[in-house]
PDB file of N, CA and C in Angstrom:
ATOM      1  N   MET A   1     259.107 263.331  43.863  1.00  0.00           N
ATOM      2  CA  MET A   1     260.079 263.372  44.947  1.00  0.00           C
ATOM      3  C   MET A   1     259.474 262.681  46.171  1.00  0.00           C
ATOM      4  N   THR A   2     260.239 261.784  46.734  1.00  0.00           N
ATOM      5  CA  THR A   2     259.817 261.091  47.944  1.00  0.00           C
ATOM      6  C   THR A   2     260.664 261.583  49.110  1.00  0.00           C
ATOM      7  N   LEU A   3     259.996 262.037  50.145  1.00  0.00           N
ATOM      8  CA  LEU A   3     260.729 262.487  51.334  1.00  0.00           C
ATOM      9  C   LEU A   3     261.232 261.279  52.113  1.00  0.00           C
ATOM     10  N   PRO A   4     262.452 261.358  52.612  1.00  0.00           N
ATOM     11  CA  PRO A   4     262.920 260.283  53.483  1.00  0.00           C
ATOM     12  C   PRO A   4     262.137 260.309  54.793  1.00  0.00           C
ATOM     13  N   LYS A   5     261.988 259.169  55.392  1.00  0.00           N
ATOM     14  CA  LYS A   5     261.252 259.082  56.656  1.00  0.00           C
ATOM     15  C   LYS A   5     262.181 258.501  57.708  1.00  0.00           C
ATOM     16  N   ASN A   6     262.913 259.385  58.361  1.00  0.00           N
ATOM     17  CA  ASN A   6     263.824 258.944  59.414  1.00  0.00           C
ATOM     18  C   ASN A   6     263.973 260.050  60.448  1.00  0.00           C
ATOM     19  N   LYS A   7     264.802 259.790  61.437  1.00  0.00           N
ATOM     20  CA  LYS A   7     264.946 260.753  62.535  1.00  0.00           C
ATOM     21  C   LYS A   7     265.520 262.086  62.063  1.00  0.00           C
ATOM     22  N   TRP A   8     266.295 262.091  60.998  1.00  0.00           N
ATOM     23  CA  TRP A   8     266.905 263.339  60.521  1.00  0.00           C
ATOM     24  C   TRP A   8     265.860 264.278  59.949  1.00  0.00           C
ATOM     25  N   LEU A   9     264.841 263.726  59.301  1.00  0.00           N
ATOM     26  CA  LEU A   9     263.752 264.567  58.824  1.00  0.00           C
ATOM     27  C   LEU A   9     262.979 265.135  60.013  1.00  0.00           C
ATOM     28  N   LEU A  10     262.787 264.333  61.030  1.00  0.00           N
ATOM     29  CA  LEU A  10     262.131 264.819  62.250  1.00  0.00           C
ATOM     30  C   LEU A  10     262.945 265.956  62.872  1.00  0.00           C
ATOM     31  N   PHE A  11     264.267 265.778  62.952  1.00  0.00           N
ATOM     32  CA  PHE A  11     265.123 266.838  63.488  1.00  0.00           C
ATOM     33  C   PHE A  11     265.032 268.101  62.626  1.00  0.00           C
ATOM     34  N   ALA A  12     264.946 267.925  61.298  1.00  0.00           N
ATOM     35  CA  ALA A  12     264.820 269.074  60.393  1.00  0.00           C
ATOM     36  C   ALA A  12     263.505 269.809  60.636  1.00  0.00           C
ATOM     37  N   LEU A  13     262.438 269.073  60.876  1.00  0.00           N
ATOM     38  CA  LEU A  13     261.151 269.702  61.165  1.00  0.00           C
ATOM     39  C   LEU A  13     261.181 270.443  62.499  1.00  0.00           C
ATOM     40  N   ILE A  14     261.815 269.846  63.484  1.00  0.00           N
ATOM     41  CA  ILE A  14     261.959 270.524  64.785  1.00  0.00           C
ATOM     42  C   ILE A  14     262.786 271.795  64.617  1.00  0.00           C
ATOM     43  N   TRP A  15     263.885 271.701  63.859  1.00  0.00           N
ATOM     44  CA  TRP A  15     264.741 272.869  63.621  1.00  0.00           C
ATOM     45  C   TRP A  15     263.968 273.966  62.877  1.00  0.00           C
ATOM     46  N   LEU A  16     263.109 273.567  61.939  1.00  0.00           N
ATOM     47  CA  LEU A  16     262.280 274.533  61.229  1.00  0.00           C
ATOM     48  C   LEU A  16     261.372 275.270  62.215  1.00  0.00           C
ATOM     49  N   GLY A  17     260.783 274.523  63.136  1.00  0.00           N
ATOM     50  CA  GLY A  17     259.938 275.145  64.161  1.00  0.00           C
ATOM     51  C   GLY A  17     260.719 276.108  65.043  1.00  0.00           C
ATOM     52  N   VAL A  18     261.922 275.713  65.427  1.00  0.00           N
ATOM     53  CA  VAL A  18     262.779 276.589  66.226  1.00  0.00           C
ATOM     54  C   VAL A  18     263.112 277.854  65.440  1.00  0.00           C
ATOM     55  N   GLY A  19     263.415 277.699  64.162  1.00  0.00           N
ATOM     56  CA  GLY A  19     263.745 278.854  63.322  1.00  0.00           C
ATOM     57  C   GLY A  19     262.576 279.806  63.158  1.00  0.00           C
ATOM     58  N   VAL A  20     261.393 279.256  62.904  1.00  0.00           N
ATOM     59  CA  VAL A  20     260.206 280.103  62.762  1.00  0.00           C
ATOM     60  C   VAL A  20     259.936 280.842  64.070  1.00  0.00           C
ATOM     61  N   TYR A  21     260.041 280.134  65.177  1.00  0.00           N
ATOM     62  CA  TYR A  21     259.841 280.783  66.475  1.00  0.00           C
ATOM     63  C   TYR A  21     260.865 281.900  66.692  1.00  0.00           C
ATOM     64  N   GLY A  22     262.132 281.591  66.437  1.00  0.00           N
ATOM     65  CA  GLY A  22     263.193 282.565  66.683  1.00  0.00           C
ATOM     66  C   GLY A  22     263.143 283.777  65.771  1.00  0.00           C
ATOM     67  N   LEU A  23     262.729 283.564  64.523  1.00  0.00           N
ATOM     68  CA  LEU A  23     262.710 284.668  63.565  1.00  0.00           C
ATOM     69  C   LEU A  23     261.429 285.493  63.611  1.00  0.00           C
ATOM     70  N   ILE A  24     260.322 284.851  63.953  1.00  0.00           N
ATOM     71  CA  ILE A  24     259.038 285.542  63.808  1.00  0.00           C
ATOM     72  C   ILE A  24     258.313 285.742  65.134  1.00  0.00           C
ATOM     73  N   PHE A  25     258.223 284.706  65.935  1.00  0.00           N
ATOM     74  CA  PHE A  25     257.383 284.798  67.124  1.00  0.00           C
ATOM     75  C   PHE A  25     258.113 285.324  68.356  1.00  0.00           C
ATOM     76  N   ARG A  26     259.406 285.384  68.317  1.00  0.00           N
ATOM     77  CA  ARG A  26     260.173 285.892  69.457  1.00  0.00           C
ATOM     78  C   ARG A  26     260.632 287.308  69.122  1.00  0.00           C
ATOM     79  N   GLU A  27     260.130 288.254  69.865  1.00  0.00           N
ATOM     80  CA  GLU A  27     260.516 289.655  69.648  1.00  0.00           C
ATOM     81  C   GLU A  27     261.953 289.861  70.110  1.00  0.00           C
ATOM     82  N   SER A  28     262.655 290.723  69.413  1.00  0.00           N
ATOM     83  CA  SER A  28     264.021 291.079  69.788  1.00  0.00           C
ATOM     84  C   SER A  28     263.971 292.047  70.959  1.00  0.00           C
ATOM     85  N   THR A  29     264.774 291.755  71.993  1.00  0.00           N
ATOM     86  CA  THR A  29     264.795 292.644  73.156  1.00  0.00           C
ATOM     87  C   THR A  29     265.804 293.756  72.973  1.00  0.00           C
ATOM     88  N   GLY A  30     266.840 293.507  72.201  1.00  0.00           N
ATOM     89  CA  GLY A  30     267.860 294.532  71.978  1.00  0.00           C
ATOM     90  C   GLY A  30     268.696 294.818  73.206  1.00  0.00           C
ATOM     91  N   SER A  31     268.553 293.987  74.237  1.00  0.00           N
ATOM     92  CA  SER A  31     269.275 294.254  75.488  1.00  0.00           C
ATOM     93  C   SER A  31     270.710 293.734  75.456  1.00  0.00           C
ATOM     94  N   HIS A  32     271.021 292.866  74.542  1.00  0.00           N
ATOM     95  CA  HIS A  32     272.367 292.315  74.455  1.00  0.00           C
ATOM     96  C   HIS A  32     273.063 292.851  73.209  1.00  0.00           C
ATOM     97  N   ALA A  33     274.284 293.295  73.402  1.00  0.00           N
ATOM     98  CA  ALA A  33     275.073 293.758  72.258  1.00  0.00           C
ATOM     99  C   ALA A  33     275.602 292.543  71.501  1.00  0.00           C
ATOM    100  N   ALA A  34     275.646 292.641  70.193  1.00  0.00           N
ATOM    101  CA  ALA A  34     276.189 291.560  69.371  1.00  0.00           C
ATOM    102  C   ALA A  34     277.678 291.420  69.659  1.00  0.00           C
ATOM    103  N   PRO A  35     278.189 290.189  69.685  1.00  0.00           N
ATOM    104  CA  PRO A  35     279.612 289.984  69.978  1.00  0.00           C
ATOM    105  C   PRO A  35     280.552 290.608  68.949  1.00  0.00           C
ATOM    106  N   PHE A  36     280.074 290.756  67.720  1.00  0.00           N
ATOM    107  CA  PHE A  36     280.875 291.390  66.670  1.00  0.00           C
ATOM    108  C   PHE A  36     279.922 291.936  65.607  1.00  0.00           C
ATOM    109  N   PRO A  37     280.392 292.869  64.779  1.00  0.00           N
ATOM    110  CA  PRO A  37     279.515 293.443  63.755  1.00  0.00           C
ATOM    111  C   PRO A  37     278.965 292.364  62.812  1.00  0.00           C
ATOM    112  N   HIS A  38     277.738 292.514  62.445  1.00  0.00           N
ATOM    113  CA  HIS A  38     277.029 291.622  61.512  1.00  0.00           C
ATOM    114  C   HIS A  38     276.873 290.205  62.053  1.00  0.00           C
ATOM    115  N   PHE A  39     276.863 290.073  63.360  1.00  0.00           N
ATOM    116  CA  PHE A  39     276.642 288.778  63.996  1.00  0.00           C
ATOM    117  C   PHE A  39     275.314 288.170  63.539  1.00  0.00           C
ATOM    118  N   ASP A  40     274.304 289.022  63.343  1.00  0.00           N
ATOM    119  CA  ASP A  40     272.992 288.522  62.928  1.00  0.00           C
ATOM    120  C   ASP A  40     273.042 287.845  61.567  1.00  0.00           C
ATOM    121  N   LYS A  41     273.919 288.309  60.689  1.00  0.00           N
ATOM    122  CA  LYS A  41     274.040 287.682  59.372  1.00  0.00           C
ATOM    123  C   LYS A  41     274.602 286.272  59.505  1.00  0.00           C
ATOM    124  N   MET A  42     275.587 286.118  60.393  1.00  0.00           N
ATOM    125  CA  MET A  42     276.143 284.786  60.635  1.00  0.00           C
ATOM    126  C   MET A  42     275.077 283.870  61.239  1.00  0.00           C
ATOM    127  N   ALA A  43     274.282 284.409  62.154  1.00  0.00           N
ATOM    128  CA  ALA A  43     273.231 283.606  62.776  1.00  0.00           C
ATOM    129  C   ALA A  43     272.197 283.165  61.736  1.00  0.00           C
ATOM    130  N   HIS A  44     271.825 284.072  60.843  1.00  0.00           N
ATOM    131  CA  HIS A  44     270.887 283.707  59.773  1.00  0.00           C
ATOM    132  C   HIS A  44     271.487 282.615  58.893  1.00  0.00           C
ATOM    133  N   GLY A  45     272.716 282.792  58.479  1.00  0.00           N
ATOM    134  CA  GLY A  45     273.373 281.803  57.632  1.00  0.00           C
ATOM    135  C   GLY A  45     273.467 280.446  58.305  1.00  0.00           C
ATOM    136  N   MET A  46     273.823 280.441  59.583  1.00  0.00           N
ATOM    137  CA  MET A  46     273.957 279.174  60.303  1.00  0.00           C
ATOM    138  C   MET A  46     272.601 278.496  60.502  1.00  0.00           C
ATOM    139  N   LEU A  47     271.557 279.281  60.736  1.00  0.00           N
ATOM    140  CA  LEU A  47     270.218 278.718  60.889  1.00  0.00           C
ATOM    141  C   LEU A  47     269.831 277.930  59.644  1.00  0.00           C
ATOM    142  N   PHE A  48     270.047 278.519  58.483  1.00  0.00           N
ATOM    143  CA  PHE A  48     269.699 277.858  57.224  1.00  0.00           C
ATOM    144  C   PHE A  48     270.696 276.755  56.878  1.00  0.00           C
ATOM    145  N   PHE A  49     271.957 276.924  57.232  1.00  0.00           N
ATOM    146  CA  PHE A  49     272.950 275.885  56.997  1.00  0.00           C
ATOM    147  C   PHE A  49     272.568 274.609  57.744  1.00  0.00           C
ATOM    148  N   VAL A  50     272.249 274.750  59.011  1.00  0.00           N
ATOM    149  CA  VAL A  50     271.873 273.577  59.811  1.00  0.00           C
ATOM    150  C   VAL A  50     270.589 272.955  59.270  1.00  0.00           C
ATOM    151  N   GLN A  51     269.614 273.801  58.897  1.00  0.00           N
ATOM    152  CA  GLN A  51     268.354 273.291  58.340  1.00  0.00           C
ATOM    153  C   GLN A  51     268.619 272.391  57.132  1.00  0.00           C
ATOM    154  N   MET A  52     269.405 272.874  56.201  1.00  0.00           N
ATOM    155  CA  MET A  52     269.662 272.105  54.984  1.00  0.00           C
ATOM    156  C   MET A  52     270.592 270.917  55.240  1.00  0.00           C
ATOM    157  N   CYS A  53     271.500 271.038  56.203  1.00  0.00           N
ATOM    158  CA  CYS A  53     272.343 269.888  56.565  1.00  0.00           C
ATOM    159  C   CYS A  53     271.486 268.743  57.093  1.00  0.00           C
ATOM    160  N   LEU A  54     270.522 269.061  57.935  1.00  0.00           N
ATOM    161  CA  LEU A  54     269.636 268.025  58.466  1.00  0.00           C
ATOM    162  C   LEU A  54     268.824 267.375  57.355  1.00  0.00           C
ATOM    163  N   ILE A  55     268.358 268.172  56.422  1.00  0.00           N
ATOM    164  CA  ILE A  55     267.600 267.620  55.292  1.00  0.00           C
ATOM    165  C   ILE A  55     268.494 266.726  54.432  1.00  0.00           C
ATOM    166  N   CYS A  56     269.704 267.202  54.145  1.00  0.00           N
ATOM    167  CA  CYS A  56     270.641 266.376  53.356  1.00  0.00           C
ATOM    168  C   CYS A  56     270.950 265.071  54.076  1.00  0.00           C
ATOM    169  N   LYS A  57     271.160 265.144  55.380  1.00  0.00           N
ATOM    170  CA  LYS A  57     271.452 263.947  56.170  1.00  0.00           C
ATOM    171  C   LYS A  57     270.295 262.947  56.085  1.00  0.00           C
ATOM    172  N   ALA A  58     269.061 263.453  56.076  1.00  0.00           N
ATOM    173  CA  ALA A  58     267.899 262.565  55.956  1.00  0.00           C
ATOM    174  C   ALA A  58     267.945 261.793  54.642  1.00  0.00           C
ATOM    175  N   TYR A  59     268.288 262.468  53.556  1.00  0.00           N
ATOM    176  CA  TYR A  59     268.400 261.806  52.252  1.00  0.00           C
ATOM    177  C   TYR A  59     269.580 260.838  52.224  1.00  0.00           C
ATOM    178  N   LEU A  60     270.717 261.282  52.739  1.00  0.00           N
ATOM    179  CA  LEU A  60     271.914 260.435  52.720  1.00  0.00           C
ATOM    180  C   LEU A  60     271.723 259.172  53.551  1.00  0.00           C
ATOM    181  N   GLN A  61     271.015 259.290  54.650  1.00  0.00           N
ATOM    182  CA  GLN A  61     270.775 258.142  55.530  1.00  0.00           C
ATOM    183  C   GLN A  61     270.044 257.018  54.790  1.00  0.00           C
ATOM    184  N   GLU A  62     269.149 257.399  53.885  1.00  0.00           N
ATOM    185  CA  GLU A  62     268.372 256.398  53.154  1.00  0.00           C
ATOM    186  C   GLU A  62     268.868 256.177  51.732  1.00  0.00           C
ATOM    187  N   ASN A  63     270.063 256.690  51.426  1.00  0.00           N
ATOM    188  CA  ASN A  63     270.653 256.556  50.094  1.00  0.00           C
ATOM    189  C   ASN A  63     269.714 257.030  48.989  1.00  0.00           C
ATOM    190  N   GLN A  64     269.017 258.125  49.241  1.00  0.00           N
ATOM    191  CA  GLN A  64     268.165 258.751  48.229  1.00  0.00           C
ATOM    192  C   GLN A  64     268.893 259.953  47.639  1.00  0.00           C
ATOM    193  N   THR A  65     268.594 260.252  46.400  1.00  0.00           N
ATOM    194  CA  THR A  65     269.176 261.425  45.766  1.00  0.00           C
ATOM    195  C   THR A  65     268.576 262.684  46.379  1.00  0.00           C
ATOM    196  N   ILE A  66     269.425 263.606  46.784  1.00  0.00           N
ATOM    197  CA  ILE A  66     268.971 264.858  47.386  1.00  0.00           C
ATOM    198  C   ILE A  66     268.306 265.701  46.305  1.00  0.00           C
ATOM    199  N   ALA A  67     267.111 266.163  46.583  1.00  0.00           N
ATOM    200  CA  ALA A  67     266.365 267.008  45.646  1.00  0.00           C
ATOM    201  C   ALA A  67     266.897 268.444  45.782  1.00  0.00           C
ATOM    202  N   LEU A  68     268.063 268.675  45.204  1.00  0.00           N
ATOM    203  CA  LEU A  68     268.768 269.950  45.399  1.00  0.00           C
ATOM    204  C   LEU A  68     267.944 271.142  44.947  1.00  0.00           C
ATOM    205  N   ARG A  69     267.382 271.095  43.761  1.00  0.00           N
ATOM    206  CA  ARG A  69     266.626 272.242  43.238  1.00  0.00           C
ATOM    207  C   ARG A  69     265.416 272.541  44.125  1.00  0.00           C
ATOM    208  N   PHE A  70     264.690 271.499  44.524  1.00  0.00           N
ATOM    209  CA  PHE A  70     263.522 271.689  45.372  1.00  0.00           C
ATOM    210  C   PHE A  70     263.914 272.350  46.683  1.00  0.00           C
ATOM    211  N   TRP A  71     264.945 271.836  47.338  1.00  0.00           N
ATOM    212  CA  TRP A  71     265.320 272.360  48.650  1.00  0.00           C
ATOM    213  C   TRP A  71     265.944 273.745  48.559  1.00  0.00           C
ATOM    214  N   TRP A  72     266.615 274.053  47.441  1.00  0.00           N
ATOM    215  CA  TRP A  72     267.137 275.395  47.269  1.00  0.00           C
ATOM    216  C   TRP A  72     265.980 276.380  47.108  1.00  0.00           C
ATOM    217  N   LEU A  73     264.983 275.994  46.323  1.00  0.00           N
ATOM    218  CA  LEU A  73     263.801 276.844  46.150  1.00  0.00           C
ATOM    219  C   LEU A  73     263.004 276.956  47.440  1.00  0.00           C
ATOM    220  N   PHE A  74     262.947 275.875  48.205  1.00  0.00           N
ATOM    221  CA  PHE A  74     262.308 275.919  49.525  1.00  0.00           C
ATOM    222  C   PHE A  74     263.023 276.932  50.405  1.00  0.00           C
ATOM    223  N   ALA A  75     264.355 276.885  50.434  1.00  0.00           N
ATOM    224  CA  ALA A  75     265.132 277.819  51.250  1.00  0.00           C
ATOM    225  C   ALA A  75     264.909 279.251  50.791  1.00  0.00           C
ATOM    226  N   LEU A  76     264.834 279.457  49.485  1.00  0.00           N
ATOM    227  CA  LEU A  76     264.591 280.801  48.956  1.00  0.00           C
ATOM    228  C   LEU A  76     263.230 281.322  49.410  1.00  0.00           C
ATOM    229  N   ALA A  77     262.214 280.479  49.317  1.00  0.00           N
ATOM    230  CA  ALA A  77     260.875 280.875  49.760  1.00  0.00           C
ATOM    231  C   ALA A  77     260.859 281.122  51.269  1.00  0.00           C
ATOM    232  N   TYR A  78     261.497 280.251  52.030  1.00  0.00           N
ATOM    233  CA  TYR A  78     261.568 280.394  53.485  1.00  0.00           C
ATOM    234  C   TYR A  78     262.287 281.685  53.859  1.00  0.00           C
ATOM    235  N   ALA A  79     263.377 281.984  53.175  1.00  0.00           N
ATOM    236  CA  ALA A  79     264.128 283.209  53.463  1.00  0.00           C
ATOM    237  C   ALA A  79     263.270 284.440  53.178  1.00  0.00           C
ATOM    238  N   GLY A  80     262.639 284.466  52.026  1.00  0.00           N
ATOM    239  CA  GLY A  80     261.802 285.609  51.670  1.00  0.00           C
ATOM    240  C   GLY A  80     260.602 285.765  52.589  1.00  0.00           C
ATOM    241  N   LEU A  81     259.921 284.657  52.847  1.00  0.00           N
ATOM    242  CA  LEU A  81     258.741 284.716  53.717  1.00  0.00           C
ATOM    243  C   LEU A  81     259.098 285.065  55.155  1.00  0.00           C
ATOM    244  N   SER A  82     260.225 284.575  55.633  1.00  0.00           N
ATOM    245  CA  SER A  82     260.609 284.895  57.017  1.00  0.00           C
ATOM    246  C   SER A  82     260.951 286.377  57.156  1.00  0.00           C
ATOM    247  N   GLU A  83     261.590 286.946  56.144  1.00  0.00           N
ATOM    248  CA  GLU A  83     261.886 288.382  56.199  1.00  0.00           C
ATOM    249  C   GLU A  83     260.601 289.203  56.123  1.00  0.00           C
ATOM    250  N   TRP A  84     259.692 288.804  55.242  1.00  0.00           N
ATOM    251  CA  TRP A  84     258.410 289.492  55.153  1.00  0.00           C
ATOM    252  C   TRP A  84     257.653 289.385  56.474  1.00  0.00           C
ATOM    253  N   ALA A  85     257.621 288.192  57.068  1.00  0.00           N
ATOM    254  CA  ALA A  85     256.901 287.978  58.324  1.00  0.00           C
ATOM    255  C   ALA A  85     257.510 288.791  59.461  1.00  0.00           C
ATOM    256  N   GLN A  86     258.826 288.926  59.477  1.00  0.00           N
ATOM    257  CA  GLN A  86     259.451 289.747  60.515  1.00  0.00           C
ATOM    258  C   GLN A  86     258.987 291.189  60.413  1.00  0.00           C
ATOM    259  N   ALA A  87     258.876 291.690  59.209  1.00  0.00           N
ATOM    260  CA  ALA A  87     258.422 293.069  59.009  1.00  0.00           C
ATOM    261  C   ALA A  87     256.928 293.209  59.310  1.00  0.00           C
ATOM    262  N   ALA A  88     256.147 292.200  58.932  1.00  0.00           N
ATOM    263  CA  ALA A  88     254.695 292.294  59.058  1.00  0.00           C
ATOM    264  C   ALA A  88     254.179 291.983  60.458  1.00  0.00           C
ATOM    265  N   PHE A  89     254.831 291.056  61.165  1.00  0.00           N
ATOM    266  CA  PHE A  89     254.259 290.558  62.415  1.00  0.00           C
ATOM    267  C   PHE A  89     255.039 290.913  63.673  1.00  0.00           C
ATOM    268  N   THR A  90     256.183 291.541  63.544  1.00  0.00           N
ATOM    269  CA  THR A  90     256.940 291.921  64.736  1.00  0.00           C
ATOM    270  C   THR A  90     257.103 293.436  64.769  1.00  0.00           C
ATOM    271  N   THR A  91     257.313 293.938  65.969  1.00  0.00           N
ATOM    272  CA  THR A  91     257.529 295.384  66.109  1.00  0.00           C
ATOM    273  C   THR A  91     258.995 295.718  66.316  1.00  0.00           C
ATOM    274  N   THR A  92     259.806 294.719  66.628  1.00  0.00           N
ATOM    275  CA  THR A  92     261.218 294.976  66.916  1.00  0.00           C
ATOM    276  C   THR A  92     262.157 294.475  65.825  1.00  0.00           C
ATOM    277  N   ARG A  93     261.606 293.916  64.774  1.00  0.00           N
ATOM    278  CA  ARG A  93     262.421 293.407  63.669  1.00  0.00           C
ATOM    279  C   ARG A  93     261.945 294.031  62.372  1.00  0.00           C
ATOM    280  N   GLN A  94     262.788 293.980  61.368  1.00  0.00           N
ATOM    281  CA  GLN A  94     262.414 294.490  60.056  1.00  0.00           C
ATOM    282  C   GLN A  94     262.952 293.535  58.990  1.00  0.00           C
ATOM    283  N   ALA A  95     262.387 293.645  57.804  1.00  0.00           N
ATOM    284  CA  ALA A  95     262.872 292.836  56.683  1.00  0.00           C
ATOM    285  C   ALA A  95     264.216 293.395  56.224  1.00  0.00           C
ATOM    286  N   ASP A  96     265.124 292.490  55.903  1.00  0.00           N
ATOM    287  CA  ASP A  96     266.457 292.903  55.468  1.00  0.00           C
ATOM    288  C   ASP A  96     266.918 291.961  54.357  1.00  0.00           C
ATOM    289  N   VAL A  97     267.138 292.517  53.181  1.00  0.00           N
ATOM    290  CA  VAL A  97     267.571 291.702  52.050  1.00  0.00           C
ATOM    291  C   VAL A  97     268.911 291.027  52.347  1.00  0.00           C
ATOM    292  N   TRP A  98     269.748 291.653  53.150  1.00  0.00           N
ATOM    293  CA  TRP A  98     271.044 291.063  53.495  1.00  0.00           C
ATOM    294  C   TRP A  98     270.880 289.841  54.399  1.00  0.00           C
ATOM    295  N   ASP A  99     269.853 289.854  55.254  1.00  0.00           N
ATOM    296  CA  ASP A  99     269.560 288.663  56.059  1.00  0.00           C
ATOM    297  C   ASP A  99     269.122 287.519  55.146  1.00  0.00           C
ATOM    298  N   ALA A 100     268.266 287.827  54.169  1.00  0.00           N
ATOM    299  CA  ALA A 100     267.817 286.797  53.225  1.00  0.00           C
ATOM    300  C   ALA A 100     268.994 286.260  52.412  1.00  0.00           C
ATOM    301  N   LEU A 101     269.912 287.141  52.038  1.00  0.00           N
ATOM    302  CA  LEU A 101     271.102 286.694  51.308  1.00  0.00           C
ATOM    303  C   LEU A 101     271.958 285.784  52.190  1.00  0.00           C
ATOM    304  N   ALA A 102     272.116 286.145  53.452  1.00  0.00           N
ATOM    305  CA  ALA A 102     272.875 285.301  54.384  1.00  0.00           C
ATOM    306  C   ALA A 102     272.189 283.947  54.547  1.00  0.00           C
ATOM    307  N   ASP A 103     270.861 283.953  54.601  1.00  0.00           N
ATOM    308  CA  ASP A 103     270.104 282.692  54.667  1.00  0.00           C
ATOM    309  C   ASP A 103     270.444 281.803  53.481  1.00  0.00           C
ATOM    310  N   MET A 104     270.442 282.394  52.295  1.00  0.00           N
ATOM    311  CA  MET A 104     270.681 281.624  51.080  1.00  0.00           C
ATOM    312  C   MET A 104     272.130 281.158  50.961  1.00  0.00           C
ATOM    313  N   VAL A 105     273.062 281.942  51.468  1.00  0.00           N
ATOM    314  CA  VAL A 105     274.466 281.496  51.474  1.00  0.00           C
ATOM    315  C   VAL A 105     274.594 280.262  52.359  1.00  0.00           C
ATOM    316  N   GLY A 106     273.980 280.299  53.544  1.00  0.00           N
ATOM    317  CA  GLY A 106     274.027 279.146  54.442  1.00  0.00           C
ATOM    318  C   GLY A 106     273.381 277.919  53.828  1.00  0.00           C
ATOM    319  N   ALA A 107     272.194 278.096  53.249  1.00  0.00           N
ATOM    320  CA  ALA A 107     271.486 276.970  52.634  1.00  0.00           C
ATOM    321  C   ALA A 107     272.270 276.419  51.444  1.00  0.00           C
ATOM    322  N   SER A 108     272.810 277.306  50.623  1.00  0.00           N
ATOM    323  CA  SER A 108     273.562 276.870  49.441  1.00  0.00           C
ATOM    324  C   SER A 108     274.814 276.099  49.823  1.00  0.00           C
ATOM    325  N   CYS A 109     275.511 276.556  50.848  1.00  0.00           N
ATOM    326  CA  CYS A 109     276.717 275.846  51.309  1.00  0.00           C
ATOM    327  C   CYS A 109     276.368 274.446  51.790  1.00  0.00           C
ATOM    328  N   ALA A 110     275.296 274.313  52.555  1.00  0.00           N
ATOM    329  CA  ALA A 110     274.895 273.002  53.059  1.00  0.00           C
ATOM    330  C   ALA A 110     274.479 272.074  51.921  1.00  0.00           C
ATOM    331  N   LEU A 111     273.714 272.588  50.980  1.00  0.00           N
ATOM    332  CA  LEU A 111     273.288 271.759  49.854  1.00  0.00           C
ATOM    333  C   LEU A 111     274.482 271.361  48.988  1.00  0.00           C
ATOM    334  N   TYR A 112     275.424 272.264  48.814  1.00  0.00           N
ATOM    335  CA  TYR A 112     276.643 271.940  48.071  1.00  0.00           C
ATOM    336  C   TYR A 112     277.408 270.814  48.767  1.00  0.00           C
ATOM    337  N   LEU A 113     277.578 270.931  50.083  1.00  0.00           N
ATOM    338  CA  LEU A 113     278.293 269.891  50.835  1.00  0.00           C
ATOM    339  C   LEU A 113     277.542 268.565  50.801  1.00  0.00           C
ATOM    340  N   GLY A 114     276.216 268.620  50.947  1.00  0.00           N
ATOM    341  CA  GLY A 114     275.418 267.398  50.879  1.00  0.00           C
ATOM    342  C   GLY A 114     275.566 266.714  49.539  1.00  0.00           C
ATOM    343  N   ASN A 115     275.536 267.499  48.471  1.00  0.00           N
ATOM    344  CA  ASN A 115     275.727 266.942  47.132  1.00  0.00           C
ATOM    345  C   ASN A 115     277.133 266.368  46.969  1.00  0.00           C
ATOM    346  N   ALA A 116     278.129 267.052  47.498  1.00  0.00           N
ATOM    347  CA  ALA A 116     279.508 266.558  47.403  1.00  0.00           C
ATOM    348  C   ALA A 116     279.659 265.218  48.126  1.00  0.00           C
ATOM    349  N   VAL A 117     279.068 265.098  49.304  1.00  0.00           N
ATOM    350  CA  VAL A 117     279.126 263.830  50.045  1.00  0.00           C
ATOM    351  C   VAL A 117     278.428 262.745  49.240  1.00  0.00           C
ATOM    352  N   GLN A 118     277.287 263.075  48.668  1.00  0.00           N
ATOM    353  CA  GLN A 118     276.561 262.089  47.881  1.00  0.00           C
ATOM    354  C   GLN A 118     277.375 261.626  46.670  1.00  0.00           C
ATOM    355  N   GLN A 119     278.059 262.545  46.010  1.00  0.00           N
ATOM    356  CA  GLN A 119     278.879 262.185  44.845  1.00  0.00           C
ATOM    357  C   GLN A 119     280.054 261.304  45.253  1.00  0.00           C
ATOM    358  N   VAL A 120     280.674 261.614  46.378  1.00  0.00           N
ATOM    359  CA  VAL A 120     281.790 260.786  46.861  1.00  0.00           C
ATOM    360  C   VAL A 120     281.296 259.378  47.163  1.00  0.00           C
ATOM    361  N   ARG A 121     280.137 259.278  47.797  1.00  0.00           N
ATOM    362  CA  ARG A 121     279.577 257.953  48.096  1.00  0.00           C
ATOM    363  C   ARG A 121     279.275 257.179  46.817  1.00  0.00           C
ATOM    364  N   LYS A 122     278.713 257.847  45.823  1.00  0.00           N
ATOM    365  CA  LYS A 122     278.422 257.173  44.555  1.00  0.00           C
ATOM    366  C   LYS A 122     279.693 256.710  43.872  1.00  0.00           C
ATOM    367  N   ASN A 123     280.722 257.546  43.881  1.00  0.00           N
ATOM    368  CA  ASN A 123     282.004 257.172  43.272  1.00  0.00           C
ATOM    369  C   ASN A 123     282.650 256.014  43.995  1.00  0.00           C
ATOM    370  N   ARG A 124     282.505 255.992  45.308  1.00  0.00           N
ATOM    371  CA  ARG A 124     283.076 254.909  46.105  1.00  0.00           C
ATOM    372  C   ARG A 124     282.395 253.590  45.760  1.00  0.00           C
ATOM    373  N   VAL A 125     281.070 253.616  45.590  1.00  0.00           N
ATOM    374  CA  VAL A 125     280.326 252.405  45.237  1.00  0.00           C
ATOM    375  C   VAL A 125     280.691 251.970  43.818  1.00  0.00           C
ATOM    376  N   ASN A 126     280.809 252.927  42.902  1.00  0.00           N
ATOM    377  CA  ASN A 126     281.149 252.589  41.510  1.00  0.00           C
ATOM    378  C   ASN A 126     282.538 252.005  41.383  1.00  0.00           C
ATOM    379  N   THR A 127     283.498 252.425  42.188  1.00  0.00           N
ATOM    380  CA  THR A 127     284.860 251.892  42.076  1.00  0.00           C
ATOM    381  C   THR A 127     284.973 250.516  42.722  1.00  0.00           C
ATOM    382  N   LYS A 128     284.062 250.181  43.633  1.00  0.00           N
ATOM    383  CA  LYS A 128     284.093 248.864  44.273  1.00  0.00           C
ATOM    384  C   LYS A 128     283.526 247.793  43.373  1.00  0.00           C
ATOM    385  N   THR A 129     282.655 248.167  42.457  1.00  0.00           N
ATOM    386  CA  THR A 129     282.024 247.140  41.610  1.00  0.00           C
ATOM    387  C   THR A 129     282.720 246.978  40.289  1.00  0.00           C
TER     388      THR A 129
END
């Protein structure tokens, strides 16, 4: 597998850093009420959705095949490790299997959409030739 080398991969790396900071290194203050029940699950899902969208965009930009299995397994490891790290290294957060599930739903949706865009592009090229 060859990683694409463009600005989208750089943005994905920056987003990864923001996610690690937000999930692990930033303690929860608990001073703000969530706008609606289970807001944190949506935030987890969106964090991983954006992460995988940026990665897919990096591949699409260079017309490379998205390594779907690799990135899905990466997201699974990231979700599990981030939940473990929240429990191990923070005092105001805990590990939650539902947060990890929300992470994987977000990542899976983004990878599905990235693959769908890639298939449409391939079909468009095949019908032109």
